Amino acid sequence: MDIQLVPIEQFQTFLLCFSRVMAILAAVPVINSRQAPPQVRIGLGFATALLLFPLMASHTPKIDFSLMEFALVMANEILIGLLLGLVAQLIFTAVSFGGTIIGYQMGFAAANIFDPQTTQQLSIMSQFSNIISILIFLALNLHHIFFKVIVDSYILLPPGTLDFSSGAIPLLMDLAGHMFLLSIKLSAPILALLLISNLVLGILARIFPQLNVFMLSFPMNIGIALLVIGLTLHILPLMLSREFDTMGENFFRLFQML
């Protein structure tokens, strides 16, 4: 029985495809969680690369790779996926940072819980914001964007053409600055009311020196913050959906800059 061997050039092209697919899928929420078994993530990446490989092979340049050149090109493929993952994670980082600010102002500075996704200690409000943002992300089927990006990335950025001299670094810096702006927008209503609450408590402390403002501030700030979160919770999906809609545009802007 004759065994049909895969040509080494085709196998190298598949490895390049597999490395980019794995790096991009590592940015998808839930899939990149530490709770997801590595076997599942690798199996999903292999199956996705196997299905998309016929489409991507036509956009991959025919190059006779040496061992060193092949290692460099594969490193470039992984770096492209990591850059896309950075763009996607900036939104979730902004939500988490905004939740952390709210938690500290509420008095939950020491109330941290273990996050199984990042294996770190996060504040309660940060974890709450992360869960809400992931649910919105999945409810809008935005994880499908990553599969479209995988295919379009080979059209806009074939393997071996990575270049940082066209403005990719300033674009990433602008997106990072927008992350802090988004976190402030998410936490601004609660921070404003908590500031007013602290101002009122400060005035009461001057008028009634016997009043224990320190003990009164904890339940008052927590109650006000939870009330405002409940009243403004419908705004969070609108803001995040707008940010998620621009995520695909940021991907293609990054491809054009690389």
Protein backbone atom coordinates (compact mmCIF):
# COMPACT_ATOMS: atom_id res chain seq x y z
CA MET A 1 0.00 0.00 0.00
CA ASP A 2 1.44 3.35 -1.06
CA ILE A 3 1.42 6.09 1.56
CA GLN A 4 0.90 9.55 0.13
CA LEU A 5 3.36 11.84 1.85
CA VAL A 6 2.63 15.54 2.30
CA PRO A 7 5.20 17.74 0.53
CA ILE A 8 7.42 19.64 2.94
CA GLU A 9 6.47 22.99 1.35
CA GLN A 10 2.77 22.34 1.92
CA PHE A 11 3.43 21.19 5.48
CA GLN A 12 5.42 24.36 6.21
CA THR A 13 2.57 26.47 4.82
CA PHE A 14 0.10 24.65 7.06
CA LEU A 15 2.30 25.26 10.10
CA LEU A 16 2.37 28.98 9.28
CA CYS A 17 -1.41 28.94 8.98
CA PHE A 18 -1.76 27.00 12.23
CA SER A 19 0.50 29.37 14.15
CA ARG A 20 -1.46 32.47 13.06
CA VAL A 21 -4.82 30.79 13.75
CA MET A 22 -3.74 29.69 17.23
CA ALA A 23 -2.40 33.13 18.10
CA ILE A 24 -5.62 34.86 16.96
CA LEU A 25 -7.92 32.35 18.67
CA ALA A 26 -5.95 32.90 21.87
CA ALA A 27 -7.48 36.38 21.97
CA VAL A 28 -11.11 35.19 21.89
CA PRO A 29 -12.79 35.48 25.32
CA VAL A 30 -13.77 32.19 26.96
CA ILE A 31 -11.40 30.32 24.62
CA ASN A 32 -8.37 32.07 26.14
CA SER A 33 -9.59 31.32 29.65
CA ARG A 34 -7.40 29.22 31.92
CA GLN A 35 -10.49 27.11 32.58
CA ALA A 36 -10.55 25.93 28.96
CA PRO A 37 -8.36 22.79 28.67
CA PRO A 38 -5.28 23.22 26.47
CA GLN A 39 -6.35 20.15 24.48
CA VAL A 40 -9.61 21.87 23.54
CA ARG A 41 -7.85 25.08 22.48
CA ILE A 42 -5.24 23.24 20.42
CA GLY A 43 -7.88 20.98 18.87
CA LEU A 44 -10.06 23.96 17.93
CA GLY A 45 -7.08 25.78 16.43
CA PHE A 46 -6.01 22.70 14.47
CA ALA A 47 -9.54 22.09 13.15
CA THR A 48 -9.93 25.76 12.18
CA ALA A 49 -6.55 25.82 10.43
CA LEU A 50 -7.39 22.58 8.61
CA LEU A 51 -10.68 24.01 7.34
CA LEU A 52 -9.28 27.39 6.34
CA PHE A 53 -5.97 26.17 4.94
CA PRO A 54 -7.28 25.68 1.35
CA LEU A 55 -8.49 29.30 1.33
CA MET A 56 -5.27 30.68 2.78
CA ALA A 57 -2.86 28.63 0.68
CA SER A 58 -3.56 30.73 -2.42
CA HIS A 59 -2.53 33.91 -0.56
CA THR A 60 0.64 32.43 0.91
CA PRO A 61 3.76 33.20 -1.13
CA LYS A 62 5.74 30.24 -2.43
CA ILE A 63 9.04 30.47 -0.60
CA ASP A 64 11.71 27.83 -0.13
CA PHE A 65 12.23 28.25 3.59
CA SER A 66 15.42 27.36 5.32
CA LEU A 67 15.20 26.40 8.97
CA MET A 68 16.13 29.89 10.19
CA GLU A 69 13.86 31.70 7.74
CA PHE A 70 10.97 29.42 8.60
CA ALA A 71 11.45 30.07 12.34
CA LEU A 72 11.47 33.85 11.76
CA VAL A 73 8.36 33.77 9.59
CA MET A 74 6.53 31.62 12.16
CA ALA A 75 7.55 34.08 14.89
CA ASN A 76 6.08 36.87 12.73
CA GLU A 77 2.83 34.92 12.40
CA ILE A 78 2.58 34.46 16.14
CA LEU A 79 3.36 38.16 16.68
CA ILE A 80 0.54 39.16 14.31
CA GLY A 81 -1.92 37.08 16.31
CA LEU A 82 -0.67 38.53 19.59
CA LEU A 83 -1.09 42.09 18.26
CA LEU A 84 -4.68 41.32 17.28
CA GLY A 85 -5.23 39.81 20.70
CA LEU A 86 -3.87 42.99 22.29
CA VAL A 87 -6.35 45.12 20.34
CA ALA A 88 -9.24 42.88 21.43
CA GLN A 89 -8.17 42.66 25.07
CA LEU A 90 -7.86 46.44 25.43
CA ILE A 91 -11.66 46.73 25.61
CA PHE A 92 -11.95 44.11 28.34
CA THR A 93 -9.02 45.69 30.17
CA ALA A 94 -10.83 49.03 30.11
CA VAL A 95 -13.97 47.43 31.56
CA SER A 96 -11.93 45.69 34.26
CA PHE A 97 -10.03 48.88 35.11
CA GLY A 98 -13.26 50.86 35.35
CA GLY A 99 -14.72 48.23 37.68
CA THR A 100 -11.59 48.37 39.83
CA ILE A 101 -11.90 52.16 40.19
CA ILE A 102 -15.56 51.82 41.17
CA GLY A 103 -14.75 49.09 43.68
CA TYR A 104 -12.07 51.16 45.38
CA GLN A 105 -14.33 54.19 45.64
CA MET A 106 -17.15 52.06 47.05
CA GLY A 107 -14.92 50.72 49.82
CA PHE A 108 -14.26 47.30 48.32
CA ALA A 109 -10.50 47.82 48.18
CA ALA A 110 -9.81 44.73 50.29
CA ALA A 111 -12.70 42.65 48.92
CA ASN A 112 -10.87 40.77 46.17
CA ILE A 113 -11.79 37.43 44.64
CA PHE A 114 -9.88 34.93 42.55
CA ASP A 115 -10.43 35.23 38.80
CA PRO A 116 -10.02 31.79 37.16
CA GLN A 117 -9.60 33.35 33.71
CA THR A 118 -6.50 35.37 34.60
CA THR A 119 -5.48 33.48 37.77
CA GLN A 120 -5.23 36.84 39.56
CA GLN A 121 -6.95 38.59 42.43
CA LEU A 122 -9.54 41.07 41.14
CA SER A 123 -11.96 43.33 42.91
CA ILE A 124 -15.59 42.28 43.08
CA MET A 125 -16.79 45.08 40.80
CA SER A 126 -14.03 44.35 38.28
CA GLN A 127 -15.08 40.70 38.13
CA PHE A 128 -18.73 41.74 37.78
CA SER A 129 -17.85 44.07 34.89
CA ASN A 130 -15.77 41.37 33.19
CA ILE A 131 -18.62 38.86 33.31
CA ILE A 132 -21.09 41.40 31.90
CA SER A 133 -18.74 42.36 29.06
CA ILE A 134 -18.06 38.72 28.10
CA LEU A 135 -21.78 37.93 28.09
CA ILE A 136 -22.45 40.94 25.85
CA PHE A 137 -19.59 39.89 23.57
CA LEU A 138 -20.98 36.37 23.16
CA ALA A 139 -24.60 37.51 22.90
CA LEU A 140 -23.72 39.72 19.92
CA ASN A 141 -21.86 36.81 18.23
CA LEU A 142 -18.79 38.99 17.98
CA HIS A 143 -16.50 35.99 18.35
CA HIS A 144 -17.31 35.31 14.67
CA ILE A 145 -15.27 38.40 13.82
CA PHE A 146 -12.07 36.56 14.69
CA PHE A 147 -12.73 33.84 12.12
CA LYS A 148 -13.38 36.47 9.45
CA VAL A 149 -10.22 38.30 10.50
CA ILE A 150 -8.18 35.11 10.06
CA VAL A 151 -9.21 34.83 6.41
CA ASP A 152 -8.95 38.55 5.62
CA SER A 153 -5.57 38.81 7.34
CA TYR A 154 -3.96 36.64 4.64
CA ILE A 155 -5.33 38.92 1.93
CA LEU A 156 -4.12 42.11 3.60
CA LEU A 157 -1.01 40.76 5.30
CA PRO A 158 0.55 37.64 3.72
CA PRO A 159 3.16 35.72 5.75
CA GLY A 160 6.60 37.28 5.89
CA THR A 161 5.46 40.88 5.25
CA LEU A 162 5.34 42.22 8.81
CA ASP A 163 6.59 45.81 9.03
CA PHE A 164 6.37 48.19 12.00
CA SER A 165 7.57 51.28 10.14
CA SER A 166 4.15 52.32 8.76
CA GLY A 167 2.47 53.63 11.88
CA ALA A 168 1.44 50.47 13.72
CA ILE A 169 3.06 51.55 17.00
CA PRO A 170 1.27 54.95 17.13
CA LEU A 171 -2.01 53.17 16.37
CA LEU A 172 -1.50 50.82 19.30
CA MET A 173 -0.64 53.77 21.53
CA ASP A 174 -3.84 55.55 20.49
CA LEU A 175 -5.89 52.43 21.23
CA ALA A 176 -4.22 52.12 24.63
CA GLY A 177 -5.06 55.76 25.39
CA HIS A 178 -8.65 55.12 24.32
CA MET A 179 -8.74 52.25 26.82
CA PHE A 180 -8.24 54.67 29.73
CA LEU A 181 -10.83 57.03 28.25
CA LEU A 182 -13.36 54.18 28.02
CA SER A 183 -12.73 53.13 31.62
CA ILE A 184 -13.37 56.71 32.77
CA LYS A 185 -16.61 56.87 30.76
CA LEU A 186 -17.83 53.63 32.32
CA SER A 187 -17.08 54.73 35.87
CA ALA A 188 -17.84 58.47 35.57
CA PRO A 189 -21.51 58.48 36.75
CA ILE A 190 -20.74 56.45 39.86
CA LEU A 191 -17.59 58.42 40.66
CA ALA A 192 -19.45 61.71 40.33
CA LEU A 193 -22.17 60.69 42.78
CA LEU A 194 -19.66 59.22 45.20
CA LEU A 195 -17.74 62.48 45.10
CA ILE A 196 -20.93 64.39 45.94
CA SER A 197 -21.65 61.88 48.71
CA ASN A 198 -18.20 62.40 50.24
CA LEU A 199 -18.64 66.16 49.97
CA VAL A 200 -21.96 65.96 51.85
CA LEU A 201 -20.41 63.75 54.51
CA GLY A 202 -17.55 66.20 54.88
CA ILE A 203 -20.01 69.06 55.42
CA LEU A 204 -21.95 66.99 57.96
CA ALA A 205 -18.72 66.22 59.80
CA ARG A 206 -18.04 69.94 60.17
CA ILE A 207 -21.57 70.66 61.34
CA PHE A 208 -21.90 67.65 63.67
CA PRO A 209 -18.47 66.74 65.05
CA GLN A 210 -20.04 63.89 67.07
CA LEU A 211 -21.18 62.18 63.87
CA ASN A 212 -19.07 59.11 63.01
CA VAL A 213 -18.63 59.92 59.33
CA PHE A 214 -16.11 57.16 58.76
CA MET A 215 -18.52 54.37 59.73
CA LEU A 216 -21.43 56.07 57.98
CA SER A 217 -19.57 56.43 54.68
CA PHE A 218 -19.19 52.68 54.05
CA PRO A 219 -22.88 51.68 53.82
CA MET A 220 -23.80 55.01 52.24
CA ASN A 221 -21.22 54.76 49.43
CA ILE A 222 -22.02 51.10 48.78
CA GLY A 223 -25.75 51.79 48.64
CA ILE A 224 -25.36 54.78 46.32
CA ALA A 225 -22.98 52.92 44.01
CA LEU A 226 -25.23 49.85 43.74
CA LEU A 227 -28.24 52.06 43.09
CA VAL A 228 -26.46 53.94 40.30
CA ILE A 229 -25.17 50.68 38.79
CA GLY A 230 -28.71 49.34 38.69
CA LEU A 231 -30.07 52.51 37.09
CA THR A 232 -27.30 52.77 34.46
CA LEU A 233 -26.83 49.09 33.70
CA HIS A 234 -28.74 49.41 30.41
CA ILE A 235 -26.14 51.92 29.19
CA LEU A 236 -23.28 49.42 29.48
CA PRO A 237 -24.44 47.17 26.59
CA LEU A 238 -24.86 50.23 24.36
CA MET A 239 -21.36 51.51 25.08
CA LEU A 240 -19.71 48.10 24.77
CA SER A 241 -21.57 47.21 21.57
CA ARG A 242 -20.28 50.43 20.02
CA GLU A 243 -16.75 49.61 21.11
CA PHE A 244 -17.03 46.03 19.85
CA ASP A 245 -18.28 47.30 16.49
CA THR A 246 -15.14 49.37 16.09
CA MET A 247 -12.94 46.41 17.05
CA GLY A 248 -13.18 44.94 13.53
CA GLU A 249 -12.25 48.30 12.03
CA ASN A 250 -9.24 48.50 14.35
CA PHE A 251 -8.13 45.06 13.15
CA PHE A 252 -8.11 46.16 9.52
CA ARG A 253 -6.45 49.45 10.38
CA LEU A 254 -3.72 47.49 12.09
CA PHE A 255 -3.32 45.25 9.03
CA GLN A 256 -2.92 48.29 6.82
CA MET A 257 -0.28 49.73 9.14
CA LEU A 258 1.77 46.52 9.34
